[in-house]
Amino acid sequence: MSGPVPSSASVSARMSRQGSRDTAPEIAVRRLLHASGLRYRVNVPVPGMARRTVDVAE
């Protein structure tokens, strides 16, 4: 069984370049925030925007 077929080669190429969660820069920023005493939530859904999340939210 294969996955969904991309709508075009350009869409497929663009989506394959999309970063993933918990990248090294994200983790570095979160460590600095935590070390500074700030508490936060990770990958919080954005109200009213389907399939969107905020990386770091208070």
C-alpha atoms as a PDB file:
ATOM      1  CA  MET A   1       0.000   0.000   0.000  1.00  0.00           C
ATOM      2  CA  SER A   2       1.432   3.362  -0.986  1.00  0.00           C
ATOM      3  CA  GLY A   3       0.742   6.816   0.400  1.00  0.00           C
ATOM      4  CA  PRO A   4      -1.274   9.616  -1.191  1.00  0.00           C
ATOM      5  CA  VAL A   5      -0.181  10.882  -4.578  1.00  0.00           C
ATOM      6  CA  PRO A   6       1.213  14.459  -4.550  1.00  0.00           C
ATOM      7  CA  SER A   7      -0.699  16.990  -6.610  1.00  0.00           C
ATOM      8  CA  SER A   8       2.493  18.006  -8.430  1.00  0.00           C
ATOM      9  CA  ALA A   9       6.241  17.532  -8.320  1.00  0.00           C
ATOM     10  CA  SER A  10       6.737  21.078  -7.005  1.00  0.00           C
ATOM     11  CA  VAL A  11       4.326  20.499  -4.106  1.00  0.00           C
ATOM     12  CA  SER A  12       6.059  17.236  -3.285  1.00  0.00           C
ATOM     13  CA  ALA A  13       9.482  18.917  -3.280  1.00  0.00           C
ATOM     14  CA  ARG A  14       8.285  21.820  -1.118  1.00  0.00           C
ATOM     15  CA  MET A  15       6.631  19.570   1.453  1.00  0.00           C
ATOM     16  CA  SER A  16       9.694  17.335   1.699  1.00  0.00           C
ATOM     17  CA  ARG A  17      11.721  20.423   2.708  1.00  0.00           C
ATOM     18  CA  GLN A  18       9.336  21.317   5.541  1.00  0.00           C
ATOM     19  CA  GLY A  19      11.030  21.058   8.888  1.00  0.00           C
ATOM     20  CA  SER A  20       9.849  18.707  11.556  1.00  0.00           C
ATOM     21  CA  ARG A  21       9.110  19.249  15.209  1.00  0.00           C
ATOM     22  CA  ASP A  22      11.789  19.380  17.874  1.00  0.00           C
ATOM     23  CA  THR A  23      14.612  20.565  15.647  1.00  0.00           C
ATOM     24  CA  ALA A  24      17.967  21.392  17.245  1.00  0.00           C
ATOM     25  CA  PRO A  25      17.340  25.184  17.143  1.00  0.00           C
ATOM     26  CA  GLU A  26      13.865  24.757  18.713  1.00  0.00           C
ATOM     27  CA  ILE A  27      15.254  22.644  21.526  1.00  0.00           C
ATOM     28  CA  ALA A  28      18.073  25.160  22.132  1.00  0.00           C
ATOM     29  CA  VAL A  29      15.565  28.024  22.444  1.00  0.00           C
ATOM     30  CA  ARG A  30      13.341  25.986  24.756  1.00  0.00           C
ATOM     31  CA  ARG A  31      16.307  25.142  26.985  1.00  0.00           C
ATOM     32  CA  LEU A  32      17.203  28.826  27.251  1.00  0.00           C
ATOM     33  CA  LEU A  33      13.605  29.747  28.078  1.00  0.00           C
ATOM     34  CA  HIS A  34      13.394  27.049  30.731  1.00  0.00           C
ATOM     35  CA  ALA A  35      16.763  28.006  32.236  1.00  0.00           C
ATOM     36  CA  SER A  36      15.497  31.597  32.469  1.00  0.00           C
ATOM     37  CA  GLY A  37      12.587  30.417  34.588  1.00  0.00           C
ATOM     38  CA  LEU A  38       9.936  30.723  31.870  1.00  0.00           C
ATOM     39  CA  ARG A  39       7.380  27.976  31.523  1.00  0.00           C
ATOM     40  CA  TYR A  40       5.629  27.271  28.255  1.00  0.00           C
ATOM     41  CA  ARG A  41       3.617  24.797  26.220  1.00  0.00           C
ATOM     42  CA  VAL A  42       4.853  23.214  23.000  1.00  0.00           C
ATOM     43  CA  ASN A  43       3.005  22.728  19.671  1.00  0.00           C
ATOM     44  CA  VAL A  44      -0.209  24.425  20.787  1.00  0.00           C
ATOM     45  CA  PRO A  45      -3.121  24.453  18.297  1.00  0.00           C
ATOM     46  CA  VAL A  46      -4.028  27.885  16.912  1.00  0.00           C
ATOM     47  CA  PRO A  47      -7.732  28.630  17.514  1.00  0.00           C
ATOM     48  CA  GLY A  48      -9.680  29.018  14.286  1.00  0.00           C
ATOM     49  CA  MET A  49      -6.822  27.775  12.106  1.00  0.00           C
ATOM     50  CA  ALA A  50      -7.067  24.109  11.252  1.00  0.00           C
ATOM     51  CA  ARG A  51      -3.816  22.168  11.101  1.00  0.00           C
ATOM     52  CA  ARG A  52      -1.732  25.012  12.542  1.00  0.00           C
ATOM     53  CA  THR A  53       0.298  24.988  15.742  1.00  0.00           C
ATOM     54  CA  VAL A  54       2.523  27.407  17.618  1.00  0.00           C
ATOM     55  CA  ASP A  55       5.961  26.008  18.494  1.00  0.00           C
ATOM     56  CA  VAL A  56       6.191  27.700  21.925  1.00  0.00           C
ATOM     57  CA  ALA A  57       3.327  29.388  23.778  1.00  0.00           C
ATOM     58  CA  GLU A  58       2.954  30.852  27.245  1.00  0.00           C
END
